[in-house]
Amino acid sequence: NYMGFPTGISGADLVWRGEIQAMK
């Protein structure tokens, strides 16, 4: 139920995306 991921996403993958963004 997180917007933008109609097939779902694991919590670890979601936050990992953010971590990479932040490090960038």
PDBML (XML) file of the C-alpha atoms, coordinates in Angstrom:
<?xml version="1.0" encoding="UTF-8" ?>
<PDBx:datablock datablockName="MODEL"
   xmlns:PDBx="http://pdbml.pdb.org/schema/pdbx-v50.xsd"
   xmlns:xsi="http://www.w3.org/2001/XMLSchema-instance"
   xsi:schemaLocation="http://pdbml.pdb.org/schema/pdbx-v50.xsd pdbx-v50.xsd">
   <PDBx:atom_siteCategory>
      <PDBx:atom_site id="1">
         <PDBx:B_iso_or_equiv>0.00</PDBx:B_iso_or_equiv>
         <PDBx:Cartn_x>0.000</PDBx:Cartn_x>
         <PDBx:Cartn_y>0.000</PDBx:Cartn_y>
         <PDBx:Cartn_z>0.000</PDBx:Cartn_z>
         <PDBx:auth_asym_id>A</PDBx:auth_asym_id>
         <PDBx:auth_atom_id>CA</PDBx:auth_atom_id>
         <PDBx:auth_comp_id>ASN</PDBx:auth_comp_id>
         <PDBx:auth_seq_id>1</PDBx:auth_seq_id>
         <PDBx:group_PDB>ATOM</PDBx:group_PDB>
         <PDBx:label_alt_id xsi:nil="true" />
         <PDBx:label_asym_id>A</PDBx:label_asym_id>
         <PDBx:label_atom_id>CA</PDBx:label_atom_id>
         <PDBx:label_comp_id>ASN</PDBx:label_comp_id>
         <PDBx:label_entity_id>1</PDBx:label_entity_id>
         <PDBx:label_seq_id>1</PDBx:label_seq_id>
         <PDBx:occupancy>1.00</PDBx:occupancy>
         <PDBx:pdbx_PDB_model_num>1</PDBx:pdbx_PDB_model_num>
         <PDBx:type_symbol>C</PDBx:type_symbol>
      </PDBx:atom_site>
      <PDBx:atom_site id="2">
         <PDBx:B_iso_or_equiv>0.00</PDBx:B_iso_or_equiv>
         <PDBx:Cartn_x>2.961</PDBx:Cartn_x>
         <PDBx:Cartn_y>2.336</PDBx:Cartn_y>
         <PDBx:Cartn_z>-0.568</PDBx:Cartn_z>
         <PDBx:auth_asym_id>A</PDBx:auth_asym_id>
         <PDBx:auth_atom_id>CA</PDBx:auth_atom_id>
         <PDBx:auth_comp_id>TYR</PDBx:auth_comp_id>
         <PDBx:auth_seq_id>2</PDBx:auth_seq_id>
         <PDBx:group_PDB>ATOM</PDBx:group_PDB>
         <PDBx:label_alt_id xsi:nil="true" />
         <PDBx:label_asym_id>A</PDBx:label_asym_id>
         <PDBx:label_atom_id>CA</PDBx:label_atom_id>
         <PDBx:label_comp_id>TYR</PDBx:label_comp_id>
         <PDBx:label_entity_id>1</PDBx:label_entity_id>
         <PDBx:label_seq_id>2</PDBx:label_seq_id>
         <PDBx:occupancy>1.00</PDBx:occupancy>
         <PDBx:pdbx_PDB_model_num>1</PDBx:pdbx_PDB_model_num>
         <PDBx:type_symbol>C</PDBx:type_symbol>
      </PDBx:atom_site>
      <PDBx:atom_site id="3">
         <PDBx:B_iso_or_equiv>0.00</PDBx:B_iso_or_equiv>
         <PDBx:Cartn_x>2.221</PDBx:Cartn_x>
         <PDBx:Cartn_y>4.644</PDBx:Cartn_y>
         <PDBx:Cartn_z>-3.484</PDBx:Cartn_z>
         <PDBx:auth_asym_id>A</PDBx:auth_asym_id>
         <PDBx:auth_atom_id>CA</PDBx:auth_atom_id>
         <PDBx:auth_comp_id>MET</PDBx:auth_comp_id>
         <PDBx:auth_seq_id>3</PDBx:auth_seq_id>
         <PDBx:group_PDB>ATOM</PDBx:group_PDB>
         <PDBx:label_alt_id xsi:nil="true" />
         <PDBx:label_asym_id>A</PDBx:label_asym_id>
         <PDBx:label_atom_id>CA</PDBx:label_atom_id>
         <PDBx:label_comp_id>MET</PDBx:label_comp_id>
         <PDBx:label_entity_id>1</PDBx:label_entity_id>
         <PDBx:label_seq_id>3</PDBx:label_seq_id>
         <PDBx:occupancy>1.00</PDBx:occupancy>
         <PDBx:pdbx_PDB_model_num>1</PDBx:pdbx_PDB_model_num>
         <PDBx:type_symbol>C</PDBx:type_symbol>
      </PDBx:atom_site>
      <PDBx:atom_site id="4">
         <PDBx:B_iso_or_equiv>0.00</PDBx:B_iso_or_equiv>
         <PDBx:Cartn_x>4.163</PDBx:Cartn_x>
         <PDBx:Cartn_y>3.966</PDBx:Cartn_y>
         <PDBx:Cartn_z>-6.659</PDBx:Cartn_z>
         <PDBx:auth_asym_id>A</PDBx:auth_asym_id>
         <PDBx:auth_atom_id>CA</PDBx:auth_atom_id>
         <PDBx:auth_comp_id>GLY</PDBx:auth_comp_id>
         <PDBx:auth_seq_id>4</PDBx:auth_seq_id>
         <PDBx:group_PDB>ATOM</PDBx:group_PDB>
         <PDBx:label_alt_id xsi:nil="true" />
         <PDBx:label_asym_id>A</PDBx:label_asym_id>
         <PDBx:label_atom_id>CA</PDBx:label_atom_id>
         <PDBx:label_comp_id>GLY</PDBx:label_comp_id>
         <PDBx:label_entity_id>1</PDBx:label_entity_id>
         <PDBx:label_seq_id>4</PDBx:label_seq_id>
         <PDBx:occupancy>1.00</PDBx:occupancy>
         <PDBx:pdbx_PDB_model_num>1</PDBx:pdbx_PDB_model_num>
         <PDBx:type_symbol>C</PDBx:type_symbol>
      </PDBx:atom_site>
      <PDBx:atom_site id="5">
         <PDBx:B_iso_or_equiv>0.00</PDBx:B_iso_or_equiv>
         <PDBx:Cartn_x>4.725</PDBx:Cartn_x>
         <PDBx:Cartn_y>0.230</PDBx:Cartn_y>
         <PDBx:Cartn_z>-6.190</PDBx:Cartn_z>
         <PDBx:auth_asym_id>A</PDBx:auth_asym_id>
         <PDBx:auth_atom_id>CA</PDBx:auth_atom_id>
         <PDBx:auth_comp_id>PHE</PDBx:auth_comp_id>
         <PDBx:auth_seq_id>5</PDBx:auth_seq_id>
         <PDBx:group_PDB>ATOM</PDBx:group_PDB>
         <PDBx:label_alt_id xsi:nil="true" />
         <PDBx:label_asym_id>A</PDBx:label_asym_id>
         <PDBx:label_atom_id>CA</PDBx:label_atom_id>
         <PDBx:label_comp_id>PHE</PDBx:label_comp_id>
         <PDBx:label_entity_id>1</PDBx:label_entity_id>
         <PDBx:label_seq_id>5</PDBx:label_seq_id>
         <PDBx:occupancy>1.00</PDBx:occupancy>
         <PDBx:pdbx_PDB_model_num>1</PDBx:pdbx_PDB_model_num>
         <PDBx:type_symbol>C</PDBx:type_symbol>
      </PDBx:atom_site>
      <PDBx:atom_site id="6">
         <PDBx:B_iso_or_equiv>0.00</PDBx:B_iso_or_equiv>
         <PDBx:Cartn_x>1.590</PDBx:Cartn_x>
         <PDBx:Cartn_y>-1.526</PDBx:Cartn_y>
         <PDBx:Cartn_z>-7.445</PDBx:Cartn_z>
         <PDBx:auth_asym_id>A</PDBx:auth_asym_id>
         <PDBx:auth_atom_id>CA</PDBx:auth_atom_id>
         <PDBx:auth_comp_id>PRO</PDBx:auth_comp_id>
         <PDBx:auth_seq_id>6</PDBx:auth_seq_id>
         <PDBx:group_PDB>ATOM</PDBx:group_PDB>
         <PDBx:label_alt_id xsi:nil="true" />
         <PDBx:label_asym_id>A</PDBx:label_asym_id>
         <PDBx:label_atom_id>CA</PDBx:label_atom_id>
         <PDBx:label_comp_id>PRO</PDBx:label_comp_id>
         <PDBx:label_entity_id>1</PDBx:label_entity_id>
         <PDBx:label_seq_id>6</PDBx:label_seq_id>
         <PDBx:occupancy>1.00</PDBx:occupancy>
         <PDBx:pdbx_PDB_model_num>1</PDBx:pdbx_PDB_model_num>
         <PDBx:type_symbol>C</PDBx:type_symbol>
      </PDBx:atom_site>
      <PDBx:atom_site id="7">
         <PDBx:B_iso_or_equiv>0.00</PDBx:B_iso_or_equiv>
         <PDBx:Cartn_x>3.180</PDBx:Cartn_x>
         <PDBx:Cartn_y>-4.968</PDBx:Cartn_y>
         <PDBx:Cartn_z>-7.233</PDBx:Cartn_z>
         <PDBx:auth_asym_id>A</PDBx:auth_asym_id>
         <PDBx:auth_atom_id>CA</PDBx:auth_atom_id>
         <PDBx:auth_comp_id>THR</PDBx:auth_comp_id>
         <PDBx:auth_seq_id>7</PDBx:auth_seq_id>
         <PDBx:group_PDB>ATOM</PDBx:group_PDB>
         <PDBx:label_alt_id xsi:nil="true" />
         <PDBx:label_asym_id>A</PDBx:label_asym_id>
         <PDBx:label_atom_id>CA</PDBx:label_atom_id>
         <PDBx:label_comp_id>THR</PDBx:label_comp_id>
         <PDBx:label_entity_id>1</PDBx:label_entity_id>
         <PDBx:label_seq_id>7</PDBx:label_seq_id>
         <PDBx:occupancy>1.00</PDBx:occupancy>
         <PDBx:pdbx_PDB_model_num>1</PDBx:pdbx_PDB_model_num>
         <PDBx:type_symbol>C</PDBx:type_symbol>
      </PDBx:atom_site>
      <PDBx:atom_site id="8">
         <PDBx:B_iso_or_equiv>0.00</PDBx:B_iso_or_equiv>
         <PDBx:Cartn_x>4.580</PDBx:Cartn_x>
         <PDBx:Cartn_y>-4.311</PDBx:Cartn_y>
         <PDBx:Cartn_z>-3.777</PDBx:Cartn_z>
         <PDBx:auth_asym_id>A</PDBx:auth_asym_id>
         <PDBx:auth_atom_id>CA</PDBx:auth_atom_id>
         <PDBx:auth_comp_id>GLY</PDBx:auth_comp_id>
         <PDBx:auth_seq_id>8</PDBx:auth_seq_id>
         <PDBx:group_PDB>ATOM</PDBx:group_PDB>
         <PDBx:label_alt_id xsi:nil="true" />
         <PDBx:label_asym_id>A</PDBx:label_asym_id>
         <PDBx:label_atom_id>CA</PDBx:label_atom_id>
         <PDBx:label_comp_id>GLY</PDBx:label_comp_id>
         <PDBx:label_entity_id>1</PDBx:label_entity_id>
         <PDBx:label_seq_id>8</PDBx:label_seq_id>
         <PDBx:occupancy>1.00</PDBx:occupancy>
         <PDBx:pdbx_PDB_model_num>1</PDBx:pdbx_PDB_model_num>
         <PDBx:type_symbol>C</PDBx:type_symbol>
      </PDBx:atom_site>
      <PDBx:atom_site id="9">
         <PDBx:B_iso_or_equiv>0.00</PDBx:B_iso_or_equiv>
         <PDBx:Cartn_x>8.091</PDBx:Cartn_x>
         <PDBx:Cartn_y>-3.832</PDBx:Cartn_y>
         <PDBx:Cartn_z>-2.461</PDBx:Cartn_z>
         <PDBx:auth_asym_id>A</PDBx:auth_asym_id>
         <PDBx:auth_atom_id>CA</PDBx:auth_atom_id>
         <PDBx:auth_comp_id>ILE</PDBx:auth_comp_id>
         <PDBx:auth_seq_id>9</PDBx:auth_seq_id>
         <PDBx:group_PDB>ATOM</PDBx:group_PDB>
         <PDBx:label_alt_id xsi:nil="true" />
         <PDBx:label_asym_id>A</PDBx:label_asym_id>
         <PDBx:label_atom_id>CA</PDBx:label_atom_id>
         <PDBx:label_comp_id>ILE</PDBx:label_comp_id>
         <PDBx:label_entity_id>1</PDBx:label_entity_id>
         <PDBx:label_seq_id>9</PDBx:label_seq_id>
         <PDBx:occupancy>1.00</PDBx:occupancy>
         <PDBx:pdbx_PDB_model_num>1</PDBx:pdbx_PDB_model_num>
         <PDBx:type_symbol>C</PDBx:type_symbol>
      </PDBx:atom_site>
      <PDBx:atom_site id="10">
         <PDBx:B_iso_or_equiv>0.00</PDBx:B_iso_or_equiv>
         <PDBx:Cartn_x>9.933</PDBx:Cartn_x>
         <PDBx:Cartn_y>-5.190</PDBx:Cartn_y>
         <PDBx:Cartn_z>0.532</PDBx:Cartn_z>
         <PDBx:auth_asym_id>A</PDBx:auth_asym_id>
         <PDBx:auth_atom_id>CA</PDBx:auth_atom_id>
         <PDBx:auth_comp_id>SER</PDBx:auth_comp_id>
         <PDBx:auth_seq_id>10</PDBx:auth_seq_id>
         <PDBx:group_PDB>ATOM</PDBx:group_PDB>
         <PDBx:label_alt_id xsi:nil="true" />
         <PDBx:label_asym_id>A</PDBx:label_asym_id>
         <PDBx:label_atom_id>CA</PDBx:label_atom_id>
         <PDBx:label_comp_id>SER</PDBx:label_comp_id>
         <PDBx:label_entity_id>1</PDBx:label_entity_id>
         <PDBx:label_seq_id>10</PDBx:label_seq_id>
         <PDBx:occupancy>1.00</PDBx:occupancy>
         <PDBx:pdbx_PDB_model_num>1</PDBx:pdbx_PDB_model_num>
         <PDBx:type_symbol>C</PDBx:type_symbol>
      </PDBx:atom_site>
      <PDBx:atom_site id="11">
         <PDBx:B_iso_or_equiv>0.00</PDBx:B_iso_or_equiv>
         <PDBx:Cartn_x>10.598</PDBx:Cartn_x>
         <PDBx:Cartn_y>-2.729</PDBx:Cartn_y>
         <PDBx:Cartn_z>3.320</PDBx:Cartn_z>
         <PDBx:auth_asym_id>A</PDBx:auth_asym_id>
         <PDBx:auth_atom_id>CA</PDBx:auth_atom_id>
         <PDBx:auth_comp_id>GLY</PDBx:auth_comp_id>
         <PDBx:auth_seq_id>11</PDBx:auth_seq_id>
         <PDBx:group_PDB>ATOM</PDBx:group_PDB>
         <PDBx:label_alt_id xsi:nil="true" />
         <PDBx:label_asym_id>A</PDBx:label_asym_id>
         <PDBx:label_atom_id>CA</PDBx:label_atom_id>
         <PDBx:label_comp_id>GLY</PDBx:label_comp_id>
         <PDBx:label_entity_id>1</PDBx:label_entity_id>
         <PDBx:label_seq_id>11</PDBx:label_seq_id>
         <PDBx:occupancy>1.00</PDBx:occupancy>
         <PDBx:pdbx_PDB_model_num>1</PDBx:pdbx_PDB_model_num>
         <PDBx:type_symbol>C</PDBx:type_symbol>
      </PDBx:atom_site>
      <PDBx:atom_site id="12">
         <PDBx:B_iso_or_equiv>0.00</PDBx:B_iso_or_equiv>
         <PDBx:Cartn_x>14.328</PDBx:Cartn_x>
         <PDBx:Cartn_y>-3.412</PDBx:Cartn_y>
         <PDBx:Cartn_z>3.060</PDBx:Cartn_z>
         <PDBx:auth_asym_id>A</PDBx:auth_asym_id>
         <PDBx:auth_atom_id>CA</PDBx:auth_atom_id>
         <PDBx:auth_comp_id>ALA</PDBx:auth_comp_id>
         <PDBx:auth_seq_id>12</PDBx:auth_seq_id>
         <PDBx:group_PDB>ATOM</PDBx:group_PDB>
         <PDBx:label_alt_id xsi:nil="true" />
         <PDBx:label_asym_id>A</PDBx:label_asym_id>
         <PDBx:label_atom_id>CA</PDBx:label_atom_id>
         <PDBx:label_comp_id>ALA</PDBx:label_comp_id>
         <PDBx:label_entity_id>1</PDBx:label_entity_id>
         <PDBx:label_seq_id>12</PDBx:label_seq_id>
         <PDBx:occupancy>1.00</PDBx:occupancy>
         <PDBx:pdbx_PDB_model_num>1</PDBx:pdbx_PDB_model_num>
         <PDBx:type_symbol>C</PDBx:type_symbol>
      </PDBx:atom_site>
      <PDBx:atom_site id="13">
         <PDBx:B_iso_or_equiv>0.00</PDBx:B_iso_or_equiv>
         <PDBx:Cartn_x>14.392</PDBx:Cartn_x>
         <PDBx:Cartn_y>-2.602</PDBx:Cartn_y>
         <PDBx:Cartn_z>-0.665</PDBx:Cartn_z>
         <PDBx:auth_asym_id>A</PDBx:auth_asym_id>
         <PDBx:auth_atom_id>CA</PDBx:auth_atom_id>
         <PDBx:auth_comp_id>ASP</PDBx:auth_comp_id>
         <PDBx:auth_seq_id>13</PDBx:auth_seq_id>
         <PDBx:group_PDB>ATOM</PDBx:group_PDB>
         <PDBx:label_alt_id xsi:nil="true" />
         <PDBx:label_asym_id>A</PDBx:label_asym_id>
         <PDBx:label_atom_id>CA</PDBx:label_atom_id>
         <PDBx:label_comp_id>ASP</PDBx:label_comp_id>
         <PDBx:label_entity_id>1</PDBx:label_entity_id>
         <PDBx:label_seq_id>13</PDBx:label_seq_id>
         <PDBx:occupancy>1.00</PDBx:occupancy>
         <PDBx:pdbx_PDB_model_num>1</PDBx:pdbx_PDB_model_num>
         <PDBx:type_symbol>C</PDBx:type_symbol>
      </PDBx:atom_site>
      <PDBx:atom_site id="14">
         <PDBx:B_iso_or_equiv>0.00</PDBx:B_iso_or_equiv>
         <PDBx:Cartn_x>12.323</PDBx:Cartn_x>
         <PDBx:Cartn_y>0.545</PDBx:Cartn_y>
         <PDBx:Cartn_z>-0.199</PDBx:Cartn_z>
         <PDBx:auth_asym_id>A</PDBx:auth_asym_id>
         <PDBx:auth_atom_id>CA</PDBx:auth_atom_id>
         <PDBx:auth_comp_id>LEU</PDBx:auth_comp_id>
         <PDBx:auth_seq_id>14</PDBx:auth_seq_id>
         <PDBx:group_PDB>ATOM</PDBx:group_PDB>
         <PDBx:label_alt_id xsi:nil="true" />
         <PDBx:label_asym_id>A</PDBx:label_asym_id>
         <PDBx:label_atom_id>CA</PDBx:label_atom_id>
         <PDBx:label_comp_id>LEU</PDBx:label_comp_id>
         <PDBx:label_entity_id>1</PDBx:label_entity_id>
         <PDBx:label_seq_id>14</PDBx:label_seq_id>
         <PDBx:occupancy>1.00</PDBx:occupancy>
         <PDBx:pdbx_PDB_model_num>1</PDBx:pdbx_PDB_model_num>
         <PDBx:type_symbol>C</PDBx:type_symbol>
      </PDBx:atom_site>
      <PDBx:atom_site id="15">
         <PDBx:B_iso_or_equiv>0.00</PDBx:B_iso_or_equiv>
         <PDBx:Cartn_x>14.630</PDBx:Cartn_x>
         <PDBx:Cartn_y>1.961</PDBx:Cartn_y>
         <PDBx:Cartn_z>2.464</PDBx:Cartn_z>
         <PDBx:auth_asym_id>A</PDBx:auth_asym_id>
         <PDBx:auth_atom_id>CA</PDBx:auth_atom_id>
         <PDBx:auth_comp_id>VAL</PDBx:auth_comp_id>
         <PDBx:auth_seq_id>15</PDBx:auth_seq_id>
         <PDBx:group_PDB>ATOM</PDBx:group_PDB>
         <PDBx:label_alt_id xsi:nil="true" />
         <PDBx:label_asym_id>A</PDBx:label_asym_id>
         <PDBx:label_atom_id>CA</PDBx:label_atom_id>
         <PDBx:label_comp_id>VAL</PDBx:label_comp_id>
         <PDBx:label_entity_id>1</PDBx:label_entity_id>
         <PDBx:label_seq_id>15</PDBx:label_seq_id>
         <PDBx:occupancy>1.00</PDBx:occupancy>
         <PDBx:pdbx_PDB_model_num>1</PDBx:pdbx_PDB_model_num>
         <PDBx:type_symbol>C</PDBx:type_symbol>
      </PDBx:atom_site>
      <PDBx:atom_site id="16">
         <PDBx:B_iso_or_equiv>0.00</PDBx:B_iso_or_equiv>
         <PDBx:Cartn_x>17.735</PDBx:Cartn_x>
         <PDBx:Cartn_y>0.774</PDBx:Cartn_y>
         <PDBx:Cartn_z>0.583</PDBx:Cartn_z>
         <PDBx:auth_asym_id>A</PDBx:auth_asym_id>
         <PDBx:auth_atom_id>CA</PDBx:auth_atom_id>
         <PDBx:auth_comp_id>TRP</PDBx:auth_comp_id>
         <PDBx:auth_seq_id>16</PDBx:auth_seq_id>
         <PDBx:group_PDB>ATOM</PDBx:group_PDB>
         <PDBx:label_alt_id xsi:nil="true" />
         <PDBx:label_asym_id>A</PDBx:label_asym_id>
         <PDBx:label_atom_id>CA</PDBx:label_atom_id>
         <PDBx:label_comp_id>TRP</PDBx:label_comp_id>
         <PDBx:label_entity_id>1</PDBx:label_entity_id>
         <PDBx:label_seq_id>16</PDBx:label_seq_id>
         <PDBx:occupancy>1.00</PDBx:occupancy>
         <PDBx:pdbx_PDB_model_num>1</PDBx:pdbx_PDB_model_num>
         <PDBx:type_symbol>C</PDBx:type_symbol>
      </PDBx:atom_site>
      <PDBx:atom_site id="17">
         <PDBx:B_iso_or_equiv>0.00</PDBx:B_iso_or_equiv>
         <PDBx:Cartn_x>16.669</PDBx:Cartn_x>
         <PDBx:Cartn_y>2.926</PDBx:Cartn_y>
         <PDBx:Cartn_z>-2.356</PDBx:Cartn_z>
         <PDBx:auth_asym_id>A</PDBx:auth_asym_id>
         <PDBx:auth_atom_id>CA</PDBx:auth_atom_id>
         <PDBx:auth_comp_id>ARG</PDBx:auth_comp_id>
         <PDBx:auth_seq_id>17</PDBx:auth_seq_id>
         <PDBx:group_PDB>ATOM</PDBx:group_PDB>
         <PDBx:label_alt_id xsi:nil="true" />
         <PDBx:label_asym_id>A</PDBx:label_asym_id>
         <PDBx:label_atom_id>CA</PDBx:label_atom_id>
         <PDBx:label_comp_id>ARG</PDBx:label_comp_id>
         <PDBx:label_entity_id>1</PDBx:label_entity_id>
         <PDBx:label_seq_id>17</PDBx:label_seq_id>
         <PDBx:occupancy>1.00</PDBx:occupancy>
         <PDBx:pdbx_PDB_model_num>1</PDBx:pdbx_PDB_model_num>
         <PDBx:type_symbol>C</PDBx:type_symbol>
      </PDBx:atom_site>
      <PDBx:atom_site id="18">
         <PDBx:B_iso_or_equiv>0.00</PDBx:B_iso_or_equiv>
         <PDBx:Cartn_x>16.481</PDBx:Cartn_x>
         <PDBx:Cartn_y>5.874</PDBx:Cartn_y>
         <PDBx:Cartn_z>0.016</PDBx:Cartn_z>
         <PDBx:auth_asym_id>A</PDBx:auth_asym_id>
         <PDBx:auth_atom_id>CA</PDBx:auth_atom_id>
         <PDBx:auth_comp_id>GLY</PDBx:auth_comp_id>
         <PDBx:auth_seq_id>18</PDBx:auth_seq_id>
         <PDBx:group_PDB>ATOM</PDBx:group_PDB>
         <PDBx:label_alt_id xsi:nil="true" />
         <PDBx:label_asym_id>A</PDBx:label_asym_id>
         <PDBx:label_atom_id>CA</PDBx:label_atom_id>
         <PDBx:label_comp_id>GLY</PDBx:label_comp_id>
         <PDBx:label_entity_id>1</PDBx:label_entity_id>
         <PDBx:label_seq_id>18</PDBx:label_seq_id>
         <PDBx:occupancy>1.00</PDBx:occupancy>
         <PDBx:pdbx_PDB_model_num>1</PDBx:pdbx_PDB_model_num>
         <PDBx:type_symbol>C</PDBx:type_symbol>
      </PDBx:atom_site>
      <PDBx:atom_site id="19">
         <PDBx:B_iso_or_equiv>0.00</PDBx:B_iso_or_equiv>
         <PDBx:Cartn_x>19.849</PDBx:Cartn_x>
         <PDBx:Cartn_y>5.067</PDBx:Cartn_y>
         <PDBx:Cartn_z>1.539</PDBx:Cartn_z>
         <PDBx:auth_asym_id>A</PDBx:auth_asym_id>
         <PDBx:auth_atom_id>CA</PDBx:auth_atom_id>
         <PDBx:auth_comp_id>GLU</PDBx:auth_comp_id>
         <PDBx:auth_seq_id>19</PDBx:auth_seq_id>
         <PDBx:group_PDB>ATOM</PDBx:group_PDB>
         <PDBx:label_alt_id xsi:nil="true" />
         <PDBx:label_asym_id>A</PDBx:label_asym_id>
         <PDBx:label_atom_id>CA</PDBx:label_atom_id>
         <PDBx:label_comp_id>GLU</PDBx:label_comp_id>
         <PDBx:label_entity_id>1</PDBx:label_entity_id>
         <PDBx:label_seq_id>19</PDBx:label_seq_id>
         <PDBx:occupancy>1.00</PDBx:occupancy>
         <PDBx:pdbx_PDB_model_num>1</PDBx:pdbx_PDB_model_num>
         <PDBx:type_symbol>C</PDBx:type_symbol>
      </PDBx:atom_site>
      <PDBx:atom_site id="20">
         <PDBx:B_iso_or_equiv>0.00</PDBx:B_iso_or_equiv>
         <PDBx:Cartn_x>21.499</PDBx:Cartn_x>
         <PDBx:Cartn_y>5.075</PDBx:Cartn_y>
         <PDBx:Cartn_z>-1.885</PDBx:Cartn_z>
         <PDBx:auth_asym_id>A</PDBx:auth_asym_id>
         <PDBx:auth_atom_id>CA</PDBx:auth_atom_id>
         <PDBx:auth_comp_id>ILE</PDBx:auth_comp_id>
         <PDBx:auth_seq_id>20</PDBx:auth_seq_id>
         <PDBx:group_PDB>ATOM</PDBx:group_PDB>
         <PDBx:label_alt_id xsi:nil="true" />
         <PDBx:label_asym_id>A</PDBx:label_asym_id>
         <PDBx:label_atom_id>CA</PDBx:label_atom_id>
         <PDBx:label_comp_id>ILE</PDBx:label_comp_id>
         <PDBx:label_entity_id>1</PDBx:label_entity_id>
         <PDBx:label_seq_id>20</PDBx:label_seq_id>
         <PDBx:occupancy>1.00</PDBx:occupancy>
         <PDBx:pdbx_PDB_model_num>1</PDBx:pdbx_PDB_model_num>
         <PDBx:type_symbol>C</PDBx:type_symbol>
      </PDBx:atom_site>
      <PDBx:atom_site id="21">
         <PDBx:B_iso_or_equiv>0.00</PDBx:B_iso_or_equiv>
         <PDBx:Cartn_x>19.771</PDBx:Cartn_x>
         <PDBx:Cartn_y>8.362</PDBx:Cartn_y>
         <PDBx:Cartn_z>-2.706</PDBx:Cartn_z>
         <PDBx:auth_asym_id>A</PDBx:auth_asym_id>
         <PDBx:auth_atom_id>CA</PDBx:auth_atom_id>
         <PDBx:auth_comp_id>GLN</PDBx:auth_comp_id>
         <PDBx:auth_seq_id>21</PDBx:auth_seq_id>
         <PDBx:group_PDB>ATOM</PDBx:group_PDB>
         <PDBx:label_alt_id xsi:nil="true" />
         <PDBx:label_asym_id>A</PDBx:label_asym_id>
         <PDBx:label_atom_id>CA</PDBx:label_atom_id>
         <PDBx:label_comp_id>GLN</PDBx:label_comp_id>
         <PDBx:label_entity_id>1</PDBx:label_entity_id>
         <PDBx:label_seq_id>21</PDBx:label_seq_id>
         <PDBx:occupancy>1.00</PDBx:occupancy>
         <PDBx:pdbx_PDB_model_num>1</PDBx:pdbx_PDB_model_num>
         <PDBx:type_symbol>C</PDBx:type_symbol>
      </PDBx:atom_site>
      <PDBx:atom_site id="22">
         <PDBx:B_iso_or_equiv>0.00</PDBx:B_iso_or_equiv>
         <PDBx:Cartn_x>20.995</PDBx:Cartn_x>
         <PDBx:Cartn_y>9.929</PDBx:Cartn_y>
         <PDBx:Cartn_z>0.508</PDBx:Cartn_z>
         <PDBx:auth_asym_id>A</PDBx:auth_asym_id>
         <PDBx:auth_atom_id>CA</PDBx:auth_atom_id>
         <PDBx:auth_comp_id>ALA</PDBx:auth_comp_id>
         <PDBx:auth_seq_id>22</PDBx:auth_seq_id>
         <PDBx:group_PDB>ATOM</PDBx:group_PDB>
         <PDBx:label_alt_id xsi:nil="true" />
         <PDBx:label_asym_id>A</PDBx:label_asym_id>
         <PDBx:label_atom_id>CA</PDBx:label_atom_id>
         <PDBx:label_comp_id>ALA</PDBx:label_comp_id>
         <PDBx:label_entity_id>1</PDBx:label_entity_id>
         <PDBx:label_seq_id>22</PDBx:label_seq_id>
         <PDBx:occupancy>1.00</PDBx:occupancy>
         <PDBx:pdbx_PDB_model_num>1</PDBx:pdbx_PDB_model_num>
         <PDBx:type_symbol>C</PDBx:type_symbol>
      </PDBx:atom_site>
      <PDBx:atom_site id="23">
         <PDBx:B_iso_or_equiv>0.00</PDBx:B_iso_or_equiv>
         <PDBx:Cartn_x>24.578</PDBx:Cartn_x>
         <PDBx:Cartn_y>8.732</PDBx:Cartn_y>
         <PDBx:Cartn_z>-0.021</PDBx:Cartn_z>
         <PDBx:auth_asym_id>A</PDBx:auth_asym_id>
         <PDBx:auth_atom_id>CA</PDBx:auth_atom_id>
         <PDBx:auth_comp_id>MET</PDBx:auth_comp_id>
         <PDBx:auth_seq_id>23</PDBx:auth_seq_id>
         <PDBx:group_PDB>ATOM</PDBx:group_PDB>
         <PDBx:label_alt_id xsi:nil="true" />
         <PDBx:label_asym_id>A</PDBx:label_asym_id>
         <PDBx:label_atom_id>CA</PDBx:label_atom_id>
         <PDBx:label_comp_id>MET</PDBx:label_comp_id>
         <PDBx:label_entity_id>1</PDBx:label_entity_id>
         <PDBx:label_seq_id>23</PDBx:label_seq_id>
         <PDBx:occupancy>1.00</PDBx:occupancy>
         <PDBx:pdbx_PDB_model_num>1</PDBx:pdbx_PDB_model_num>
         <PDBx:type_symbol>C</PDBx:type_symbol>
      </PDBx:atom_site>
      <PDBx:atom_site id="24">
         <PDBx:B_iso_or_equiv>0.00</PDBx:B_iso_or_equiv>
         <PDBx:Cartn_x>24.486</PDBx:Cartn_x>
         <PDBx:Cartn_y>10.166</PDBx:Cartn_y>
         <PDBx:Cartn_z>-3.547</PDBx:Cartn_z>
         <PDBx:auth_asym_id>A</PDBx:auth_asym_id>
         <PDBx:auth_atom_id>CA</PDBx:auth_atom_id>
         <PDBx:auth_comp_id>LYS</PDBx:auth_comp_id>
         <PDBx:auth_seq_id>24</PDBx:auth_seq_id>
         <PDBx:group_PDB>ATOM</PDBx:group_PDB>
         <PDBx:label_alt_id xsi:nil="true" />
         <PDBx:label_asym_id>A</PDBx:label_asym_id>
         <PDBx:label_atom_id>CA</PDBx:label_atom_id>
         <PDBx:label_comp_id>LYS</PDBx:label_comp_id>
         <PDBx:label_entity_id>1</PDBx:label_entity_id>
         <PDBx:label_seq_id>24</PDBx:label_seq_id>
         <PDBx:occupancy>1.00</PDBx:occupancy>
         <PDBx:pdbx_PDB_model_num>1</PDBx:pdbx_PDB_model_num>
         <PDBx:type_symbol>C</PDBx:type_symbol>
      </PDBx:atom_site>
   </PDBx:atom_siteCategory>
</PDBx:datablock>
